[in-house]
PDB file of N, CA and C in Angstrom:
ATOM      1  N   UNK A   1     -14.549  -1.822  24.830  1.00  0.00           N
ATOM      2  CA  UNK A   1     -14.068  -0.467  24.851  1.00  0.00           C
ATOM      3  C   UNK A   1     -14.403   0.143  26.216  1.00  0.00           C
ATOM      4  N   UNK A   2     -13.502   0.929  26.704  1.00  0.00           N
ATOM      5  CA  UNK A   2     -13.681   1.586  27.996  1.00  0.00           C
ATOM      6  C   UNK A   2     -14.861   2.556  27.910  1.00  0.00           C
ATOM      7  N   UNK A   3     -15.732   2.567  28.915  1.00  0.00           N
ATOM      8  CA  UNK A   3     -16.916   3.443  28.860  1.00  0.00           C
ATOM      9  C   UNK A   3     -16.579   4.919  28.676  1.00  0.00           C
ATOM     10  N   UNK A   4     -15.449   5.356  29.206  1.00  0.00           N
ATOM     11  CA  UNK A   4     -15.067   6.760  29.083  1.00  0.00           C
ATOM     12  C   UNK A   4     -14.755   7.132  27.630  1.00  0.00           C
ATOM     13  N   UNK A   5     -14.235   6.159  26.858  1.00  0.00           N
ATOM     14  CA  UNK A   5     -13.886   6.409  25.461  1.00  0.00           C
ATOM     15  C   UNK A   5     -15.095   6.404  24.536  1.00  0.00           C
ATOM     16  N   UNK A   6     -16.169   5.738  24.943  1.00  0.00           N
ATOM     17  CA  UNK A   6     -17.358   5.647  24.093  1.00  0.00           C
ATOM     18  C   UNK A   6     -18.005   6.990  23.828  1.00  0.00           C
ATOM     19  N   UNK A   7     -17.864   7.908  24.744  1.00  0.00           N
ATOM     20  CA  UNK A   7     -18.503   9.207  24.612  1.00  0.00           C
ATOM     21  C   UNK A   7     -17.756  10.180  23.725  1.00  0.00           C
ATOM     22  N   UNK A   8     -16.529   9.871  23.363  1.00  0.00           N
ATOM     23  CA  UNK A   8     -15.724  10.789  22.558  1.00  0.00           C
ATOM     24  C   UNK A   8     -15.969  10.584  21.070  1.00  0.00           C
ATOM     25  N   UNK A   9     -16.142  11.670  20.364  1.00  0.00           N
ATOM     26  CA  UNK A   9     -16.325  11.612  18.924  1.00  0.00           C
ATOM     27  C   UNK A   9     -15.043  11.147  18.244  1.00  0.00           C
ATOM     28  N   UNK A  10     -13.914  11.513  18.808  1.00  0.00           N
ATOM     29  CA  UNK A  10     -12.622  11.138  18.234  1.00  0.00           C
ATOM     30  C   UNK A  10     -12.482   9.623  18.132  1.00  0.00           C
ATOM     31  N   UNK A  11     -13.050   8.906  19.085  1.00  0.00           N
ATOM     32  CA  UNK A  11     -12.978   7.449  19.062  1.00  0.00           C
ATOM     33  C   UNK A  11     -13.632   6.901  17.802  1.00  0.00           C
ATOM     34  N   UNK A  12     -14.770   7.447  17.426  1.00  0.00           N
ATOM     35  CA  UNK A  12     -15.451   6.987  16.212  1.00  0.00           C
ATOM     36  C   UNK A  12     -14.630   7.312  14.960  1.00  0.00           C
ATOM     37  N   UNK A  13     -13.986   8.458  14.941  1.00  0.00           N
ATOM     38  CA  UNK A  13     -13.142   8.815  13.805  1.00  0.00           C
ATOM     39  C   UNK A  13     -11.946   7.875  13.695  1.00  0.00           C
ATOM     40  N   UNK A  14     -11.334   7.537  14.819  1.00  0.00           N
ATOM     41  CA  UNK A  14     -10.188   6.629  14.826  1.00  0.00           C
ATOM     42  C   UNK A  14     -10.629   5.228  14.403  1.00  0.00           C
ATOM     43  N   UNK A  15     -11.794   4.786  14.857  1.00  0.00           N
ATOM     44  CA  UNK A  15     -12.311   3.480  14.435  1.00  0.00           C
ATOM     45  C   UNK A  15     -12.597   3.463  12.937  1.00  0.00           C
ATOM     46  N   UNK A  16     -13.131   4.548  12.419  1.00  0.00           N
ATOM     47  CA  UNK A  16     -13.368   4.651  10.981  1.00  0.00           C
ATOM     48  C   UNK A  16     -12.059   4.553  10.218  1.00  0.00           C
ATOM     49  N   UNK A  17     -11.045   5.209  10.701  1.00  0.00           N
ATOM     50  CA  UNK A  17      -9.728   5.152  10.068  1.00  0.00           C
ATOM     51  C   UNK A  17      -9.159   3.733  10.142  1.00  0.00           C
ATOM     52  N   UNK A  18      -9.360   3.049  11.250  1.00  0.00           N
ATOM     53  CA  UNK A  18      -8.887   1.667  11.395  1.00  0.00           C
ATOM     54  C   UNK A  18      -9.572   0.731  10.404  1.00  0.00           C
ATOM     55  N   UNK A  19     -10.883   0.869  10.254  1.00  0.00           N
ATOM     56  CA  UNK A  19     -11.622   0.034   9.305  1.00  0.00           C
ATOM     57  C   UNK A  19     -11.176   0.327   7.883  1.00  0.00           C
ATOM     58  N   UNK A  20     -10.972   1.581   7.581  1.00  0.00           N
ATOM     59  CA  UNK A  20     -10.500   1.970   6.255  1.00  0.00           C
ATOM     60  C   UNK A  20      -9.131   1.357   5.964  1.00  0.00           C
ATOM     61  N   UNK A  21      -8.228   1.400   6.913  1.00  0.00           N
ATOM     62  CA  UNK A  21      -6.898   0.810   6.735  1.00  0.00           C
ATOM     63  C   UNK A  21      -6.978  -0.709   6.601  1.00  0.00           C
ATOM     64  N   UNK A  22      -7.862  -1.328   7.363  1.00  0.00           N
ATOM     65  CA  UNK A  22      -8.038  -2.780   7.272  1.00  0.00           C
ATOM     66  C   UNK A  22      -8.545  -3.181   5.891  1.00  0.00           C
ATOM     67  N   UNK A  23      -9.517  -2.442   5.361  1.00  0.00           N
ATOM     68  CA  UNK A  23     -10.020  -2.730   4.017  1.00  0.00           C
ATOM     69  C   UNK A  23      -8.944  -2.519   2.968  1.00  0.00           C
ATOM     70  N   UNK A  24      -8.145  -1.478   3.138  1.00  0.00           N
ATOM     71  CA  UNK A  24      -7.059  -1.219   2.197  1.00  0.00           C
ATOM     72  C   UNK A  24      -6.071  -2.381   2.187  1.00  0.00           C
ATOM     73  N   UNK A  25      -5.699  -2.846   3.377  1.00  0.00           N
ATOM     74  CA  UNK A  25      -4.719  -3.937   3.467  1.00  0.00           C
ATOM     75  C   UNK A  25      -5.280  -5.268   2.975  1.00  0.00           C
ATOM     76  N   UNK A  26      -6.565  -5.501   3.168  1.00  0.00           N
ATOM     77  CA  UNK A  26      -7.132  -6.795   2.795  1.00  0.00           C
ATOM     78  C   UNK A  26      -7.619  -6.856   1.350  1.00  0.00           C
ATOM     79  N   UNK A  27      -7.965  -5.724   0.739  1.00  0.00           N
ATOM     80  CA  UNK A  27      -8.495  -5.733  -0.629  1.00  0.00           C
ATOM     81  C   UNK A  27      -7.506  -5.105  -1.608  1.00  0.00           C
ATOM     82  N   UNK A  28      -7.093  -3.904  -1.344  1.00  0.00           N
ATOM     83  CA  UNK A  28      -6.308  -3.154  -2.324  1.00  0.00           C
ATOM     84  C   UNK A  28      -4.872  -3.656  -2.459  1.00  0.00           C
ATOM     85  N   UNK A  29      -4.210  -3.942  -1.364  1.00  0.00           N
ATOM     86  CA  UNK A  29      -2.806  -4.349  -1.457  1.00  0.00           C
ATOM     87  C   UNK A  29      -2.609  -5.661  -2.217  1.00  0.00           C
ATOM     88  N   UNK A  30      -3.417  -6.708  -1.974  1.00  0.00           N
ATOM     89  CA  UNK A  30      -3.230  -7.931  -2.776  1.00  0.00           C
ATOM     90  C   UNK A  30      -3.493  -7.717  -4.268  1.00  0.00           C
ATOM     91  N   UNK A  31      -4.514  -6.922  -4.608  1.00  0.00           N
ATOM     92  CA  UNK A  31      -4.795  -6.666  -6.019  1.00  0.00           C
ATOM     93  C   UNK A  31      -3.693  -5.838  -6.668  1.00  0.00           C
ATOM     94  N   UNK A  32      -3.159  -4.880  -5.936  1.00  0.00           N
ATOM     95  CA  UNK A  32      -2.048  -4.080  -6.448  1.00  0.00           C
ATOM     96  C   UNK A  32      -0.798  -4.944  -6.624  1.00  0.00           C
ATOM     97  N   UNK A  33      -0.544  -5.824  -5.667  1.00  0.00           N
ATOM     98  CA  UNK A  33       0.611  -6.720  -5.781  1.00  0.00           C
ATOM     99  C   UNK A  33       0.474  -7.627  -6.996  1.00  0.00           C
ATOM    100  N   UNK A  34      -0.723  -8.135  -7.229  1.00  0.00           N
ATOM    101  CA  UNK A  34      -0.967  -8.974  -8.400  1.00  0.00           C
ATOM    102  C   UNK A  34      -0.708  -8.201  -9.688  1.00  0.00           C
ATOM    103  N   UNK A  35      -1.154  -6.962  -9.720  1.00  0.00           N
ATOM    104  CA  UNK A  35      -0.952  -6.135 -10.910  1.00  0.00           C
ATOM    105  C   UNK A  35       0.537  -5.897 -11.180  1.00  0.00           C
ATOM    106  N   UNK A  36       1.313  -5.654 -10.139  1.00  0.00           N
ATOM    107  CA  UNK A  36       2.736  -5.399 -10.339  1.00  0.00           C
ATOM    108  C   UNK A  36       3.508  -6.672 -10.655  1.00  0.00           C
ATOM    109  N   UNK A  37       3.120  -7.790 -10.068  1.00  0.00           N
ATOM    110  CA  UNK A  37       3.800  -9.056 -10.356  1.00  0.00           C
ATOM    111  C   UNK A  37       3.532  -9.482 -11.791  1.00  0.00           C
ATOM    112  N   UNK A  38       2.268  -9.393 -12.224  1.00  0.00           N
ATOM    113  CA  UNK A  38       1.892  -9.787 -13.581  1.00  0.00           C
ATOM    114  C   UNK A  38       2.285  -8.731 -14.619  1.00  0.00           C
ATOM    115  N   UNK A  39       2.540  -7.517 -14.192  1.00  0.00           N
ATOM    116  CA  UNK A  39       2.846  -6.359 -15.032  1.00  0.00           C
ATOM    117  C   UNK A  39       1.705  -5.990 -15.979  1.00  0.00           C
ATOM    118  N   UNK A  40       0.507  -6.412 -15.625  1.00  0.00           N
ATOM    119  CA  UNK A  40      -0.709  -6.024 -16.328  1.00  0.00           C
ATOM    120  C   UNK A  40      -1.899  -6.481 -15.487  1.00  0.00           C
ATOM    121  N   UNK A  41      -3.075  -5.979 -15.807  1.00  0.00           N
ATOM    122  CA  UNK A  41      -4.285  -6.364 -15.074  1.00  0.00           C
ATOM    123  C   UNK A  41      -4.849  -7.617 -15.736  1.00  0.00           C
ATOM    124  N   UNK A  42      -4.880  -8.722 -15.004  1.00  0.00           N
ATOM    125  CA  UNK A  42      -5.349  -9.998 -15.551  1.00  0.00           C
ATOM    126  C   UNK A  42      -6.613 -10.501 -14.843  1.00  0.00           C
ATOM    127  N   UNK A  43      -7.212  -9.673 -14.005  1.00  0.00           N
ATOM    128  CA  UNK A  43      -8.312 -10.129 -13.169  1.00  0.00           C
ATOM    129  C   UNK A  43      -9.698  -9.774 -13.704  1.00  0.00           C
ATOM    130  N   UNK A  44      -9.777  -9.249 -14.891  1.00  0.00           N
ATOM    131  CA  UNK A  44     -11.069  -8.981 -15.509  1.00  0.00           C
ATOM    132  C   UNK A  44     -11.539  -7.549 -15.323  1.00  0.00           C
ATOM    133  N   UNK A  45     -12.447  -7.108 -16.206  1.00  0.00           N
ATOM    134  CA  UNK A  45     -12.899  -5.709 -16.168  1.00  0.00           C
ATOM    135  C   UNK A  45     -13.780  -5.371 -14.964  1.00  0.00           C
ATOM    136  N   UNK A  46     -14.588  -6.314 -14.479  1.00  0.00           N
ATOM    137  CA  UNK A  46     -15.445  -6.025 -13.323  1.00  0.00           C
ATOM    138  C   UNK A  46     -14.613  -5.799 -12.062  1.00  0.00           C
ATOM    139  N   UNK A  47     -13.614  -6.649 -11.866  1.00  0.00           N
ATOM    140  CA  UNK A  47     -12.746  -6.484 -10.697  1.00  0.00           C
ATOM    141  C   UNK A  47     -11.898  -5.225 -10.822  1.00  0.00           C
ATOM    142  N   UNK A  48     -11.571  -4.844 -12.034  1.00  0.00           N
ATOM    143  CA  UNK A  48     -10.827  -3.600 -12.260  1.00  0.00           C
ATOM    144  C   UNK A  48     -11.660  -2.398 -11.827  1.00  0.00           C
ATOM    145  N   UNK A  49     -12.927  -2.391 -12.194  1.00  0.00           N
ATOM    146  CA  UNK A  49     -13.813  -1.293 -11.793  1.00  0.00           C
ATOM    147  C   UNK A  49     -14.031  -1.289 -10.287  1.00  0.00           C
ATOM    148  N   UNK A  50     -14.216  -2.479  -9.687  1.00  0.00           N
ATOM    149  CA  UNK A  50     -14.396  -2.553  -8.247  1.00  0.00           C
ATOM    150  C   UNK A  50     -13.135  -2.079  -7.519  1.00  0.00           C
ATOM    151  N   UNK A  51     -11.967  -2.465  -8.053  1.00  0.00           N
ATOM    152  CA  UNK A  51     -10.702  -2.049  -7.449  1.00  0.00           C
ATOM    153  C   UNK A  51     -10.589  -0.535  -7.418  1.00  0.00           C
ATOM    154  N   UNK A  52     -10.892   0.107  -8.553  1.00  0.00           N
ATOM    155  CA  UNK A  52     -10.805   1.571  -8.616  1.00  0.00           C
ATOM    156  C   UNK A  52     -11.785   2.221  -7.645  1.00  0.00           C
ATOM    157  N   UNK A  53     -13.007   1.720  -7.580  1.00  0.00           N
ATOM    158  CA  UNK A  53     -14.016   2.272  -6.674  1.00  0.00           C
ATOM    159  C   UNK A  53     -13.587   2.126  -5.223  1.00  0.00           C
ATOM    160  N   UNK A  54     -13.131   0.934  -4.839  1.00  0.00           N
ATOM    161  CA  UNK A  54     -12.703   0.695  -3.451  1.00  0.00           C
ATOM    162  C   UNK A  54     -11.450   1.498  -3.130  1.00  0.00           C
ATOM    163  N   UNK A  55     -10.508   1.561  -4.071  1.00  0.00           N
ATOM    164  CA  UNK A  55      -9.256   2.278  -3.828  1.00  0.00           C
ATOM    165  C   UNK A  55      -9.509   3.758  -3.556  1.00  0.00           C
ATOM    166  N   UNK A  56     -10.222   4.416  -4.478  1.00  0.00           N
ATOM    167  CA  UNK A  56     -10.440   5.854  -4.314  1.00  0.00           C
ATOM    168  C   UNK A  56     -11.454   6.163  -3.220  1.00  0.00           C
ATOM    169  N   UNK A  57     -12.436   5.308  -3.044  1.00  0.00           N
ATOM    170  CA  UNK A  57     -13.376   5.491  -1.936  1.00  0.00           C
ATOM    171  C   UNK A  57     -12.685   5.346  -0.595  1.00  0.00           C
ATOM    172  N   UNK A  58     -11.821   4.358  -0.499  1.00  0.00           N
ATOM    173  CA  UNK A  58     -11.070   4.136   0.731  1.00  0.00           C
ATOM    174  C   UNK A  58     -10.130   5.300   1.014  1.00  0.00           C
ATOM    175  N   UNK A  59      -9.506   5.804  -0.030  1.00  0.00           N
ATOM    176  CA  UNK A  59      -8.620   6.955   0.133  1.00  0.00           C
ATOM    177  C   UNK A  59      -9.388   8.173   0.651  1.00  0.00           C
ATOM    178  N   UNK A  60     -10.574   8.392   0.109  1.00  0.00           N
ATOM    179  CA  UNK A  60     -11.406   9.521   0.551  1.00  0.00           C
ATOM    180  C   UNK A  60     -11.820   9.359   2.007  1.00  0.00           C
ATOM    181  N   UNK A  61     -12.231   8.165   2.387  1.00  0.00           N
ATOM    182  CA  UNK A  61     -12.640   7.932   3.781  1.00  0.00           C
ATOM    183  C   UNK A  61     -11.467   8.140   4.725  1.00  0.00           C
ATOM    184  N   UNK A  62     -10.282   7.662   4.350  1.00  0.00           N
ATOM    185  CA  UNK A  62      -9.095   7.850   5.194  1.00  0.00           C
ATOM    186  C   UNK A  62      -8.770   9.328   5.372  1.00  0.00           C
ATOM    187  N   UNK A  63      -8.761  10.060   4.269  1.00  0.00           N
ATOM    188  CA  UNK A  63      -8.445  11.485   4.355  1.00  0.00           C
ATOM    189  C   UNK A  63      -9.495  12.252   5.156  1.00  0.00           C
ATOM    190  N   UNK A  64     -10.765  11.957   4.920  1.00  0.00           N
ATOM    191  CA  UNK A  64     -11.817  12.643   5.674  1.00  0.00           C
ATOM    192  C   UNK A  64     -11.758  12.304   7.162  1.00  0.00           C
ATOM    193  N   UNK A  65     -11.426  11.061   7.486  1.00  0.00           N
ATOM    194  CA  UNK A  65     -11.291  10.687   8.900  1.00  0.00           C
ATOM    195  C   UNK A  65     -10.144  11.442   9.560  1.00  0.00           C
ATOM    196  N   UNK A  66      -9.014  11.557   8.855  1.00  0.00           N
ATOM    197  CA  UNK A  66      -7.873  12.287   9.414  1.00  0.00           C
ATOM    198  C   UNK A  66      -8.183  13.767   9.557  1.00  0.00           C
ATOM    199  N   UNK A  67      -8.894  14.340   8.597  1.00  0.00           N
ATOM    200  CA  UNK A  67      -9.291  15.749   8.696  1.00  0.00           C
ATOM    201  C   UNK A  67     -10.251  15.936   9.875  1.00  0.00           C
ATOM    202  N   UNK A  68     -11.195  15.029  10.033  1.00  0.00           N
ATOM    203  CA  UNK A  68     -12.135  15.121  11.137  1.00  0.00           C
ATOM    204  C   UNK A  68     -11.428  15.010  12.493  1.00  0.00           C
ATOM    205  N   UNK A  69     -10.465  14.121  12.592  1.00  0.00           N
ATOM    206  CA  UNK A  69      -9.697  13.994  13.838  1.00  0.00           C
ATOM    207  C   UNK A  69      -8.925  15.281  14.108  1.00  0.00           C
ATOM    208  N   UNK A  70      -8.315  15.831  13.076  1.00  0.00           N
ATOM    209  CA  UNK A  70      -7.548  17.072  13.228  1.00  0.00           C
ATOM    210  C   UNK A  70      -8.435  18.240  13.643  1.00  0.00           C
ATOM    211  N   UNK A  71      -9.560  18.398  13.002  1.00  0.00           N
ATOM    212  CA  UNK A  71     -10.483  19.481  13.345  1.00  0.00           C
ATOM    213  C   UNK A  71     -11.029  19.296  14.751  1.00  0.00           C
ATOM    214  N   UNK A  72     -11.320  18.069  15.124  1.00  0.00           N
ATOM    215  CA  UNK A  72     -11.872  17.798  16.451  1.00  0.00           C
ATOM    216  C   UNK A  72     -10.856  18.084  17.550  1.00  0.00           C
ATOM    217  N   UNK A  73      -9.604  17.906  17.255  1.00  0.00           N
ATOM    218  CA  UNK A  73      -8.553  18.159  18.243  1.00  0.00           C
ATOM    219  C   UNK A  73      -8.400  19.649  18.445  1.00  0.00           C
TER     220      UNK A  73
END
């Protein structure tokens, strides 16, 4: 990362948003695709609870990161 960008708070917010999107694409999208293809949840109750926690937690982090970027601007 360029040294000039390291000092900006916005950079950390954008990186947080990037990590959140990466987790969404790598965890939530495959599980959601499986649910729609199978037309039911077949992956067990523990994975169902983890999916809900990661999905809504990830959504909260994404929204808070976007709000933080907006306020910082």
